[in-house]
Amino acid sequence: MTTLVALRAPKWHVYAACRNADREHDWTDAEPGSKAAEDCKETCRLCPVRLTCAITALTTDESHGVWGGMDRVDREALRHADAQIAA
């Protein structure tokens, strides 16, 4: 079972799975749907700070890379769904 850790930035970064991941892929430039993005998402899958990372990306309106297991397209879809619910 994965344990999620919710911490305030910037300390949560030290617990991120990507911190020690293979640097073959550039997390900030991984294009949605690419093999690089899918590999990054796989690393995120078991990350203990995945939720904190995703919330950070959503609240700072991050538009590049994979954060918390979501690429730009995933984050846009979530924002759109949230806007639809709020309307």
PDB file of N, CA and C in Angstrom:
ATOM      1  N   MET A   1       0.842  -1.174   0.000  1.00  0.00           N
ATOM      2  CA  MET A   1       0.000   0.000   0.000  1.00  0.00           C
ATOM      3  C   MET A   1       0.886   1.236   0.000  1.00  0.00           C
ATOM      4  N   THR A   2       0.512   2.229  -0.794  1.00  0.00           N
ATOM      5  CA  THR A   2       1.253   3.484  -0.856  1.00  0.00           C
ATOM      6  C   THR A   2       0.752   4.413   0.227  1.00  0.00           C
ATOM      7  N   THR A   3       1.660   5.039   0.937  1.00  0.00           N
ATOM      8  CA  THR A   3       1.302   6.028   1.934  1.00  0.00           C
ATOM      9  C   THR A   3       1.504   7.404   1.324  1.00  0.00           C
ATOM     10  N   LEU A   4       0.462   8.228   1.360  1.00  0.00           N
ATOM     11  CA  LEU A   4       0.575   9.569   0.827  1.00  0.00           C
ATOM     12  C   LEU A   4       1.050  10.511   1.925  1.00  0.00           C
ATOM     13  N   VAL A   5       1.932  11.394   1.568  1.00  0.00           N
ATOM     14  CA  VAL A   5       2.473  12.360   2.515  1.00  0.00           C
ATOM     15  C   VAL A   5       2.087  13.748   2.026  1.00  0.00           C
ATOM     16  N   ALA A   6       1.347  14.481   2.834  1.00  0.00           N
ATOM     17  CA  ALA A   6       0.965  15.842   2.468  1.00  0.00           C
ATOM     18  C   ALA A   6       1.813  16.811   3.276  1.00  0.00           C
ATOM     19  N   LEU A   7       2.669  17.517   2.600  1.00  0.00           N
ATOM     20  CA  LEU A   7       3.558  18.478   3.238  1.00  0.00           C
ATOM     21  C   LEU A   7       3.493  19.802   2.506  1.00  0.00           C
ATOM     22  N   ARG A   8       3.867  20.847   3.181  1.00  0.00           N
ATOM     23  CA  ARG A   8       3.932  22.148   2.527  1.00  0.00           C
ATOM     24  C   ARG A   8       5.222  22.273   1.744  1.00  0.00           C
ATOM     25  N   ALA A   9       5.111  22.959   0.611  1.00  0.00           N
ATOM     26  CA  ALA A   9       6.304  23.234  -0.205  1.00  0.00           C
ATOM     27  C   ALA A   9       7.229  24.121   0.617  1.00  0.00           C
ATOM     28  N   PRO A  10       8.522  24.057   0.445  1.00  0.00           N
ATOM     29  CA  PRO A  10       9.220  23.237  -0.518  1.00  0.00           C
ATOM     30  C   PRO A  10       9.653  21.888   0.034  1.00  0.00           C
ATOM     31  N   LYS A  11       9.385  21.589   1.294  1.00  0.00           N
ATOM     32  CA  LYS A  11       9.899  20.354   1.889  1.00  0.00           C
ATOM     33  C   LYS A  11       9.386  19.085   1.232  1.00  0.00           C
ATOM     34  N   TRP A  12       8.230  19.113   0.632  1.00  0.00           N
ATOM     35  CA  TRP A  12       7.692  17.893   0.034  1.00  0.00           C
ATOM     36  C   TRP A  12       8.555  17.393  -1.108  1.00  0.00           C
ATOM     37  N   HIS A  13       9.284  18.280  -1.764  1.00  0.00           N
ATOM     38  CA  HIS A  13      10.117  17.882  -2.900  1.00  0.00           C
ATOM     39  C   HIS A  13      11.132  16.794  -2.536  1.00  0.00           C
ATOM     40  N   VAL A  14      11.623  16.814  -1.318  1.00  0.00           N
ATOM     41  CA  VAL A  14      12.651  15.834  -0.939  1.00  0.00           C
ATOM     42  C   VAL A  14      12.094  14.421  -0.873  1.00  0.00           C
ATOM     43  N   TYR A  15      10.778  14.273  -0.797  1.00  0.00           N
ATOM     44  CA  TYR A  15      10.144  12.957  -0.745  1.00  0.00           C
ATOM     45  C   TYR A  15       9.646  12.480  -2.108  1.00  0.00           C
ATOM     46  N   ALA A  16       9.760  13.317  -3.114  1.00  0.00           N
ATOM     47  CA  ALA A  16       9.226  13.001  -4.442  1.00  0.00           C
ATOM     48  C   ALA A  16       9.994  11.857  -5.101  1.00  0.00           C
ATOM     49  N   ALA A  17       9.253  10.933  -5.684  1.00  0.00           N
ATOM     50  CA  ALA A  17       9.864   9.789  -6.379  1.00  0.00           C
ATOM     51  C   ALA A  17      10.731  10.243  -7.542  1.00  0.00           C
ATOM     52  N   CYS A  18      10.372  11.341  -8.170  1.00  0.00           N
ATOM     53  CA  CYS A  18      11.137  11.814  -9.326  1.00  0.00           C
ATOM     54  C   CYS A  18      12.492  12.395  -8.924  1.00  0.00           C
ATOM     55  N   ARG A  19      12.646  12.706  -7.669  1.00  0.00           N
ATOM     56  CA  ARG A  19      13.906  13.278  -7.201  1.00  0.00           C
ATOM     57  C   ARG A  19      15.082  12.345  -7.496  1.00  0.00           C
ATOM     58  N   ASN A  20      14.858  11.056  -7.350  1.00  0.00           N
ATOM     59  CA  ASN A  20      15.914  10.071  -7.579  1.00  0.00           C
ATOM     60  C   ASN A  20      15.670   9.217  -8.818  1.00  0.00           C
ATOM     61  N   ALA A  21      14.700   9.620  -9.619  1.00  0.00           N
ATOM     62  CA  ALA A  21      14.361   8.838 -10.817  1.00  0.00           C
ATOM     63  C   ALA A  21      15.406   9.041 -11.905  1.00  0.00           C
ATOM     64  N   ASP A  22      15.383   8.121 -12.827  1.00  0.00           N
ATOM     65  CA  ASP A  22      16.257   8.198 -13.999  1.00  0.00           C
ATOM     66  C   ASP A  22      15.989   9.518 -14.724  1.00  0.00           C
ATOM     67  N   ARG A  23      17.013  10.248 -15.013  1.00  0.00           N
ATOM     68  CA  ARG A  23      16.870  11.550 -15.668  1.00  0.00           C
ATOM     69  C   ARG A  23      16.849  11.439 -17.188  1.00  0.00           C
ATOM     70  N   GLU A  24      16.484  10.257 -17.681  1.00  0.00           N
ATOM     71  CA  GLU A  24      16.375  10.062 -19.126  1.00  0.00           C
ATOM     72  C   GLU A  24      15.292  10.970 -19.706  1.00  0.00           C
ATOM     73  N   HIS A  25      14.270  11.247 -18.911  1.00  0.00           N
ATOM     74  CA  HIS A  25      13.149  12.061 -19.375  1.00  0.00           C
ATOM     75  C   HIS A  25      13.163  13.414 -18.677  1.00  0.00           C
ATOM     76  N   ASP A  26      12.824  14.442 -19.420  1.00  0.00           N
ATOM     77  CA  ASP A  26      12.724  15.773 -18.859  1.00  0.00           C
ATOM     78  C   ASP A  26      11.285  15.969 -18.389  1.00  0.00           C
ATOM     79  N   TRP A  27      11.096  15.984 -17.107  1.00  0.00           N
ATOM     80  CA  TRP A  27       9.762  16.073 -16.520  1.00  0.00           C
ATOM     81  C   TRP A  27       9.049  17.359 -16.897  1.00  0.00           C
ATOM     82  N   THR A  28       9.790  18.436 -17.091  1.00  0.00           N
ATOM     83  CA  THR A  28       9.159  19.713 -17.391  1.00  0.00           C
ATOM     84  C   THR A  28       8.759  19.852 -18.853  1.00  0.00           C
ATOM     85  N   ASP A  29       9.361  19.070 -19.727  1.00  0.00           N
ATOM     86  CA  ASP A  29       9.060  19.173 -21.154  1.00  0.00           C
ATOM     87  C   ASP A  29       8.364  17.949 -21.734  1.00  0.00           C
ATOM     88  N   ALA A  30       7.967  17.013 -20.898  1.00  0.00           N
ATOM     89  CA  ALA A  30       7.314  15.801 -21.398  1.00  0.00           C
ATOM     90  C   ALA A  30       5.981  16.167 -22.051  1.00  0.00           C
ATOM     91  N   GLU A  31       5.891  15.928 -23.341  1.00  0.00           N
ATOM     92  CA  GLU A  31       4.675  16.256 -24.093  1.00  0.00           C
ATOM     93  C   GLU A  31       3.564  15.258 -23.776  1.00  0.00           C
ATOM     94  N   PRO A  32       2.337  15.751 -23.579  1.00  0.00           N
ATOM     95  CA  PRO A  32       1.211  14.863 -23.302  1.00  0.00           C
ATOM     96  C   PRO A  32       1.107  13.759 -24.355  1.00  0.00           C
ATOM     97  N   GLY A  33       0.898  12.541 -23.897  1.00  0.00           N
ATOM     98  CA  GLY A  33       0.750  11.400 -24.787  1.00  0.00           C
ATOM     99  C   GLY A  33       2.055  10.777 -25.244  1.00  0.00           C
ATOM    100  N   SER A  34       3.171  11.413 -24.934  1.00  0.00           N
ATOM    101  CA  SER A  34       4.463  10.882 -25.355  1.00  0.00           C
ATOM    102  C   SER A  34       4.912   9.742 -24.443  1.00  0.00           C
ATOM    103  N   LYS A  35       5.859   8.958 -24.911  1.00  0.00           N
ATOM    104  CA  LYS A  35       6.431   7.884 -24.092  1.00  0.00           C
ATOM    105  C   LYS A  35       7.071   8.485 -22.844  1.00  0.00           C
ATOM    106  N   ALA A  36       7.728   9.626 -23.004  1.00  0.00           N
ATOM    107  CA  ALA A  36       8.363  10.290 -21.850  1.00  0.00           C
ATOM    108  C   ALA A  36       7.322  10.641 -20.795  1.00  0.00           C
ATOM    109  N   ALA A  37       6.184  11.190 -21.216  1.00  0.00           N
ATOM    110  CA  ALA A  37       5.127  11.547 -20.267  1.00  0.00           C
ATOM    111  C   ALA A  37       4.580  10.307 -19.573  1.00  0.00           C
ATOM    112  N   GLU A  38       4.377   9.240 -20.330  1.00  0.00           N
ATOM    113  CA  GLU A  38       3.857   8.005 -19.732  1.00  0.00           C
ATOM    114  C   GLU A  38       4.854   7.410 -18.739  1.00  0.00           C
ATOM    115  N   ASP A  39       6.130   7.464 -19.058  1.00  0.00           N
ATOM    116  CA  ASP A  39       7.157   6.976 -18.127  1.00  0.00           C
ATOM    117  C   ASP A  39       7.188   7.822 -16.858  1.00  0.00           C
ATOM    118  N   CYS A  40       7.059   9.114 -17.012  1.00  0.00           N
ATOM    119  CA  CYS A  40       7.026  10.002 -15.842  1.00  0.00           C
ATOM    120  C   CYS A  40       5.807   9.695 -14.975  1.00  0.00           C
ATOM    121  N   LYS A  41       4.660   9.508 -15.599  1.00  0.00           N
ATOM    122  CA  LYS A  41       3.438   9.186 -14.863  1.00  0.00           C
ATOM    123  C   LYS A  41       3.582   7.879 -14.102  1.00  0.00           C
ATOM    124  N   GLU A  42       4.280   6.926 -14.690  1.00  0.00           N
ATOM    125  CA  GLU A  42       4.497   5.639 -14.019  1.00  0.00           C
ATOM    126  C   GLU A  42       5.314   5.834 -12.741  1.00  0.00           C
ATOM    127  N   THR A  43       6.302   6.696 -12.790  1.00  0.00           N
ATOM    128  CA  THR A  43       7.095   6.992 -11.592  1.00  0.00           C
ATOM    129  C   THR A  43       6.205   7.662 -10.548  1.00  0.00           C
ATOM    130  N   CYS A  44       5.325   8.540 -10.984  1.00  0.00           N
ATOM    131  CA  CYS A  44       4.424   9.248 -10.069  1.00  0.00           C
ATOM    132  C   CYS A  44       3.436   8.306  -9.375  1.00  0.00           C
ATOM    133  N   ARG A  45       3.106   7.220 -10.040  1.00  0.00           N
ATOM    134  CA  ARG A  45       2.047   6.332  -9.554  1.00  0.00           C
ATOM    135  C   ARG A  45       2.229   5.911  -8.097  1.00  0.00           C
ATOM    136  N   LEU A  46       3.446   5.643  -7.677  1.00  0.00           N
ATOM    137  CA  LEU A  46       3.688   5.201  -6.304  1.00  0.00           C
ATOM    138  C   LEU A  46       4.364   6.274  -5.448  1.00  0.00           C
ATOM    139  N   CYS A  47       4.393   7.492  -5.921  1.00  0.00           N
ATOM    140  CA  CYS A  47       5.070   8.576  -5.202  1.00  0.00           C
ATOM    141  C   CYS A  47       4.288   8.952  -3.940  1.00  0.00           C
ATOM    142  N   PRO A  48       4.979   9.063  -2.811  1.00  0.00           N
ATOM    143  CA  PRO A  48       4.293   9.398  -1.561  1.00  0.00           C
ATOM    144  C   PRO A  48       3.788  10.839  -1.493  1.00  0.00           C
ATOM    145  N   VAL A  49       4.265  11.723  -2.355  1.00  0.00           N
ATOM    146  CA  VAL A  49       3.801  13.113  -2.339  1.00  0.00           C
ATOM    147  C   VAL A  49       3.048  13.470  -3.626  1.00  0.00           C
ATOM    148  N   ARG A  50       2.517  12.467  -4.282  1.00  0.00           N
ATOM    149  CA  ARG A  50       1.818  12.668  -5.544  1.00  0.00           C
ATOM    150  C   ARG A  50       0.684  13.682  -5.417  1.00  0.00           C
ATOM    151  N   LEU A  51      -0.117  13.563  -4.398  1.00  0.00           N
ATOM    152  CA  LEU A  51      -1.257  14.459  -4.213  1.00  0.00           C
ATOM    153  C   LEU A  51      -0.784  15.896  -3.989  1.00  0.00           C
ATOM    154  N   THR A  52       0.207  16.083  -3.146  1.00  0.00           N
ATOM    155  CA  THR A  52       0.744  17.415  -2.888  1.00  0.00           C
ATOM    156  C   THR A  52       1.314  18.019  -4.162  1.00  0.00           C
ATOM    157  N   CYS A  53       2.010  17.221  -4.932  1.00  0.00           N
ATOM    158  CA  CYS A  53       2.581  17.662  -6.195  1.00  0.00           C
ATOM    159  C   CYS A  53       1.482  18.087  -7.164  1.00  0.00           C
ATOM    160  N   ALA A  54       0.446  17.275  -7.281  1.00  0.00           N
ATOM    161  CA  ALA A  54      -0.667  17.591  -8.180  1.00  0.00           C
ATOM    162  C   ALA A  54      -1.373  18.872  -7.740  1.00  0.00           C
ATOM    163  N   ILE A  55      -1.606  19.017  -6.457  1.00  0.00           N
ATOM    164  CA  ILE A  55      -2.261  20.224  -5.940  1.00  0.00           C
ATOM    165  C   ILE A  55      -1.401  21.450  -6.215  1.00  0.00           C
ATOM    166  N   THR A  56      -0.094  21.309  -6.047  1.00  0.00           N
ATOM    167  CA  THR A  56       0.816  22.415  -6.341  1.00  0.00           C
ATOM    168  C   THR A  56       0.688  22.843  -7.804  1.00  0.00           C
ATOM    169  N   ALA A  57       0.693  21.878  -8.706  1.00  0.00           N
ATOM    170  CA  ALA A  57       0.586  22.191 -10.132  1.00  0.00           C
ATOM    171  C   ALA A  57      -0.750  22.846 -10.460  1.00  0.00           C
ATOM    172  N   LEU A  58      -1.819  22.355  -9.848  1.00  0.00           N
ATOM    173  CA  LEU A  58      -3.140  22.906 -10.128  1.00  0.00           C
ATOM    174  C   LEU A  58      -3.314  24.309  -9.547  1.00  0.00           C
ATOM    175  N   THR A  59      -2.805  24.536  -8.349  1.00  0.00           N
ATOM    176  CA  THR A  59      -2.987  25.845  -7.718  1.00  0.00           C
ATOM    177  C   THR A  59      -2.044  26.913  -8.254  1.00  0.00           C
ATOM    178  N   THR A  60      -0.942  26.492  -8.866  1.00  0.00           N
ATOM    179  CA  THR A  60      -0.021  27.466  -9.460  1.00  0.00           C
ATOM    180  C   THR A  60      -0.219  27.574 -10.962  1.00  0.00           C
ATOM    181  N   ASP A  61      -1.239  26.883 -11.470  1.00  0.00           N
ATOM    182  CA  ASP A  61      -1.568  26.903 -12.896  1.00  0.00           C
ATOM    183  C   ASP A  61      -0.382  26.497 -13.769  1.00  0.00           C
ATOM    184  N   GLU A  62       0.329  25.458 -13.320  1.00  0.00           N
ATOM    185  CA  GLU A  62       1.491  24.942 -14.061  1.00  0.00           C
ATOM    186  C   GLU A  62       1.028  24.436 -15.421  1.00  0.00           C
ATOM    187  N   SER A  63       1.724  24.850 -16.469  1.00  0.00           N
ATOM    188  CA  SER A  63       1.295  24.464 -17.814  1.00  0.00           C
ATOM    189  C   SER A  63       2.276  23.531 -18.525  1.00  0.00           C
ATOM    190  N   HIS A  64       3.362  23.168 -17.877  1.00  0.00           N
ATOM    191  CA  HIS A  64       4.364  22.313 -18.513  1.00  0.00           C
ATOM    192  C   HIS A  64       4.643  21.076 -17.675  1.00  0.00           C
ATOM    193  N   GLY A  65       4.940  19.993 -18.358  1.00  0.00           N
ATOM    194  CA  GLY A  65       5.458  18.804 -17.699  1.00  0.00           C
ATOM    195  C   GLY A  65       4.440  17.949 -16.971  1.00  0.00           C
ATOM    196  N   VAL A  66       4.984  16.953 -16.281  1.00  0.00           N
ATOM    197  CA  VAL A  66       4.184  16.005 -15.503  1.00  0.00           C
ATOM    198  C   VAL A  66       4.337  16.356 -14.032  1.00  0.00           C
ATOM    199  N   TRP A  67       3.211  16.530 -13.375  1.00  0.00           N
ATOM    200  CA  TRP A  67       3.167  16.859 -11.946  1.00  0.00           C
ATOM    201  C   TRP A  67       2.100  15.963 -11.305  1.00  0.00           C
ATOM    202  N   GLY A  68       2.459  15.268 -10.270  1.00  0.00           N
ATOM    203  CA  GLY A  68       1.483  14.457  -9.550  1.00  0.00           C
ATOM    204  C   GLY A  68       0.784  13.429 -10.428  1.00  0.00           C
ATOM    205  N   GLY A  69       1.481  12.949 -11.431  1.00  0.00           N
ATOM    206  CA  GLY A  69       0.913  11.940 -12.316  1.00  0.00           C
ATOM    207  C   GLY A  69       0.017  12.492 -13.408  1.00  0.00           C
ATOM    208  N   MET A  70       0.010  13.821 -13.562  1.00  0.00           N
ATOM    209  CA  MET A  70      -0.832  14.443 -14.584  1.00  0.00           C
ATOM    210  C   MET A  70       0.010  15.304 -15.515  1.00  0.00           C
ATOM    211  N   ASP A  71      -0.257  15.175 -16.807  1.00  0.00           N
ATOM    212  CA  ASP A  71       0.397  16.066 -17.761  1.00  0.00           C
ATOM    213  C   ASP A  71      -0.507  17.276 -17.994  1.00  0.00           C
ATOM    214  N   ARG A  72      -0.098  18.167 -18.866  1.00  0.00           N
ATOM    215  CA  ARG A  72      -0.839  19.403 -19.125  1.00  0.00           C
ATOM    216  C   ARG A  72      -2.289  19.121 -19.526  1.00  0.00           C
ATOM    217  N   VAL A  73      -2.493  18.146 -20.402  1.00  0.00           N
ATOM    218  CA  VAL A  73      -3.838  17.819 -20.872  1.00  0.00           C
ATOM    219  C   VAL A  73      -4.699  17.293 -19.721  1.00  0.00           C
ATOM    220  N   ASP A  74      -4.135  16.457 -18.870  1.00  0.00           N
ATOM    221  CA  ASP A  74      -4.869  15.934 -17.708  1.00  0.00           C
ATOM    222  C   ASP A  74      -5.295  17.068 -16.781  1.00  0.00           C
ATOM    223  N   ARG A  75      -4.370  18.006 -16.540  1.00  0.00           N
ATOM    224  CA  ARG A  75      -4.684  19.120 -15.645  1.00  0.00           C
ATOM    225  C   ARG A  75      -5.757  20.031 -16.242  1.00  0.00           C
ATOM    226  N   GLU A  76      -5.668  20.271 -17.552  1.00  0.00           N
ATOM    227  CA  GLU A  76      -6.688  21.088 -18.213  1.00  0.00           C
ATOM    228  C   GLU A  76      -8.059  20.423 -18.130  1.00  0.00           C
ATOM    229  N   ALA A  77      -8.104  19.116 -18.312  1.00  0.00           N
ATOM    230  CA  ALA A  77      -9.375  18.381 -18.229  1.00  0.00           C
ATOM    231  C   ALA A  77      -9.957  18.470 -16.825  1.00  0.00           C
ATOM    232  N   LEU A  78      -9.102  18.361 -15.824  1.00  0.00           N
ATOM    233  CA  LEU A  78      -9.570  18.451 -14.438  1.00  0.00           C
ATOM    234  C   LEU A  78     -10.087  19.850 -14.131  1.00  0.00           C
ATOM    235  N   ARG A  79      -9.384  20.870 -14.596  1.00  0.00           N
ATOM    236  CA  ARG A  79      -9.843  22.252 -14.383  1.00  0.00           C
ATOM    237  C   ARG A  79     -11.186  22.473 -15.081  1.00  0.00           C
ATOM    238  N   HIS A  80     -11.331  21.929 -16.293  1.00  0.00           N
ATOM    239  CA  HIS A  80     -12.580  22.071 -17.049  1.00  0.00           C
ATOM    240  C   HIS A  80     -13.730  21.381 -16.311  1.00  0.00           C
ATOM    241  N   ALA A  81     -13.475  20.177 -15.824  1.00  0.00           N
ATOM    242  CA  ALA A  81     -14.509  19.440 -15.088  1.00  0.00           C
ATOM    243  C   ALA A  81     -14.909  20.199 -13.830  1.00  0.00           C
ATOM    244  N   ASP A  82     -13.916  20.770 -13.138  1.00  0.00           N
ATOM    245  CA  ASP A  82     -14.187  21.540 -11.923  1.00  0.00           C
ATOM    246  C   ASP A  82     -15.035  22.758 -12.245  1.00  0.00           C
ATOM    247  N   ALA A  83     -14.725  23.422 -13.354  1.00  0.00           N
ATOM    248  CA  ALA A  83     -15.500  24.603 -13.753  1.00  0.00           C
ATOM    249  C   ALA A  83     -16.942  24.218 -14.098  1.00  0.00           C
ATOM    250  N   GLN A  84     -17.113  23.053 -14.724  1.00  0.00           N
ATOM    251  CA  GLN A  84     -18.456  22.583 -15.082  1.00  0.00           C
ATOM    252  C   GLN A  84     -19.273  22.290 -13.822  1.00  0.00           C
ATOM    253  N   ILE A  85     -18.639  21.707 -12.831  1.00  0.00           N
ATOM    254  CA  ILE A  85     -19.330  21.389 -11.577  1.00  0.00           C
ATOM    255  C   ILE A  85     -19.702  22.662 -10.850  1.00  0.00           C
ATOM    256  N   ALA A  86     -18.809  23.647 -10.863  1.00  0.00           N
ATOM    257  CA  ALA A  86     -19.041  24.910 -10.153  1.00  0.00           C
ATOM    258  C   ALA A  86     -20.116  25.762 -10.825  1.00  0.00           C
ATOM    259  N   ALA A  87     -20.343  25.537 -12.115  1.00  0.00           N
ATOM    260  CA  ALA A  87     -21.294  26.375 -12.865  1.00  0.00           C
ATOM    261  C   ALA A  87     -22.732  26.038 -12.531  1.00  0.00           C
TER     262      ALA A  87
END
